[in-house]
């Protein structure tokens, strides 16, 4: 998956918004004003990457299986993973991880907000 495909998929998520609150080089995607992923427009080691929220148990399993997944750069390593977009991580899995990240955000919203999002 390249950075444009990542962006397009994030924007296809129900209620997703895109912003750049940190700087002019970092795309941030939110639902209900809560961040579910971000990706710099500058590469690391020549590759684009994205950070996504992830259940801690699932994170460990993913990191053991894929070289392109590891603890999140610049974020809480317990709840965030980094995924190199063009790596051994299949595009289908990256999309699943984006959806999982949204689910992780939604489940921590107050009940009223959760109900509003799921309506």
Protein backbone atom coordinates (compact mmCIF):
# COMPACT_ATOMS: atom_id res chain seq x y z
CA UNK A 1 0.00 0.00 0.00
CA UNK A 2 1.41 3.40 -0.85
CA UNK A 3 0.77 6.62 1.06
CA UNK A 4 -1.98 7.74 -1.38
CA UNK A 5 -3.84 4.45 -1.00
CA UNK A 6 -3.49 4.73 2.80
CA UNK A 7 -4.93 8.26 2.67
CA UNK A 8 -7.82 7.23 0.42
CA UNK A 9 -8.70 4.30 2.66
CA UNK A 10 -8.59 6.40 5.83
CA UNK A 11 -10.90 8.97 4.24
CA UNK A 12 -13.34 6.18 3.30
CA UNK A 13 -13.86 5.33 6.98
CA UNK A 14 -17.28 6.40 8.24
CA UNK A 15 -17.05 9.91 9.74
CA UNK A 16 -13.29 10.22 9.18
CA UNK A 17 -11.70 13.65 8.98
CA UNK A 18 -8.19 14.59 7.94
CA UNK A 19 -6.14 17.33 9.56
CA UNK A 20 -2.55 18.38 10.20
CA UNK A 21 -2.47 19.57 13.82
CA UNK A 22 1.18 18.73 14.50
CA UNK A 23 2.91 20.23 11.46
CA UNK A 24 2.56 20.53 7.69
CA UNK A 25 4.09 17.06 7.17
CA UNK A 26 1.90 14.77 9.27
CA UNK A 27 -1.52 13.55 8.18
CA UNK A 28 -3.85 12.83 11.10
CA UNK A 29 -7.15 10.98 10.77
CA UNK A 30 -9.90 11.24 13.37
CA UNK A 31 -13.40 10.03 14.07
CA UNK A 32 -15.55 11.86 16.60
CA UNK A 33 -12.56 14.20 17.16
CA UNK A 34 -10.35 11.29 18.30
CA UNK A 35 -7.24 10.26 16.40
CA UNK A 36 -7.18 6.72 15.02
CA UNK A 37 -4.08 6.96 12.81
CA UNK A 38 -1.39 9.33 11.62
CA UNK A 39 1.30 9.22 8.98
CA UNK A 40 4.14 11.59 8.18
CA UNK A 41 4.60 12.69 4.58
CA UNK A 42 8.33 12.32 5.14
CA UNK A 43 9.80 8.86 4.92
CA UNK A 44 11.81 7.00 7.54
CA UNK A 45 14.64 4.97 6.04
CA UNK A 46 13.15 5.73 2.62
CA UNK A 47 9.73 4.27 3.44
CA UNK A 48 6.36 5.70 4.42
CA UNK A 49 4.85 4.52 7.68
CA UNK A 50 1.70 4.99 9.75
CA UNK A 51 0.83 4.68 13.41
CA UNK A 52 -2.40 2.96 14.39
CA UNK A 53 -4.14 2.18 17.66
CA UNK A 54 -4.04 -1.54 18.39
CA UNK A 55 -5.09 -3.90 21.14
CA UNK A 56 -1.88 -4.77 23.08
CA UNK A 57 -2.31 -8.55 22.74
CA UNK A 58 -2.87 -8.24 19.01
CA UNK A 59 0.18 -5.95 18.71
CA UNK A 60 2.53 -8.60 20.07
CA UNK A 61 1.18 -11.23 17.69
CA UNK A 62 1.54 -8.89 14.69
CA UNK A 63 5.10 -7.88 15.59
CA UNK A 64 6.12 -11.53 15.84
CA UNK A 65 4.67 -12.25 12.40
CA UNK A 66 5.65 -9.17 10.32
CA UNK A 67 8.95 -7.30 10.01
CA UNK A 68 7.02 -4.20 8.93
CA UNK A 69 5.13 -3.88 12.25
CA UNK A 70 6.63 -2.73 15.55
CA UNK A 71 5.96 -0.52 18.57
CA UNK A 72 4.63 2.89 17.60
CA UNK A 73 7.01 5.76 16.89
CA UNK A 74 6.20 8.90 18.89
CA UNK A 75 3.28 7.32 20.73
CA UNK A 76 2.28 5.13 23.66
CA UNK A 77 3.92 1.83 22.78
CA UNK A 78 1.30 -0.13 24.68
CA UNK A 79 -1.60 1.02 22.50
CA UNK A 80 -0.01 2.07 19.19
CA UNK A 81 1.86 0.23 16.47
CA UNK A 82 3.86 1.48 13.51
CA UNK A 83 3.32 -0.17 10.13
CA UNK A 84 5.62 0.38 7.18
CA UNK A 85 3.16 0.81 4.32
CA UNK A 86 5.34 -0.80 1.67
CA UNK A 87 6.66 -3.87 3.48
CA UNK A 88 5.78 -7.48 4.16
CA UNK A 89 2.41 -6.34 5.57
CA UNK A 90 -0.32 -7.09 2.99
CA UNK A 91 -2.59 -4.23 1.92
CA UNK A 92 -5.62 -6.21 3.12
CA UNK A 93 -4.12 -6.43 6.61
CA UNK A 94 -3.30 -2.70 6.66
CA UNK A 95 -6.95 -1.98 5.88
CA UNK A 96 -8.02 -4.39 8.64
CA UNK A 97 -5.65 -2.61 11.05
CA UNK A 98 -7.10 0.78 10.13
CA UNK A 99 -10.58 -0.62 10.86
CA UNK A 100 -9.32 -2.17 14.10
CA UNK A 101 -7.86 1.19 15.10
CA UNK A 102 -11.24 2.83 14.53
CA UNK A 103 -12.89 0.12 16.67
CA UNK A 104 -10.34 0.73 19.44
CA UNK A 105 -11.20 4.44 19.42
CA UNK A 106 -14.96 3.89 19.28
CA UNK A 107 -15.01 1.45 22.19
CA UNK A 108 -13.36 4.04 24.44
CA UNK A 109 -15.79 6.83 23.56
CA UNK A 110 -18.49 7.78 26.07
CA UNK A 111 -21.63 5.71 25.49
CA UNK A 112 -23.54 8.62 23.95
CA UNK A 113 -20.76 9.23 21.41
CA UNK A 114 -20.46 5.48 20.71
CA UNK A 115 -24.19 5.24 20.04
CA UNK A 116 -24.03 8.33 17.82
CA UNK A 117 -21.15 6.88 15.79
CA UNK A 118 -22.76 3.45 15.47
CA UNK A 119 -26.18 4.85 14.47
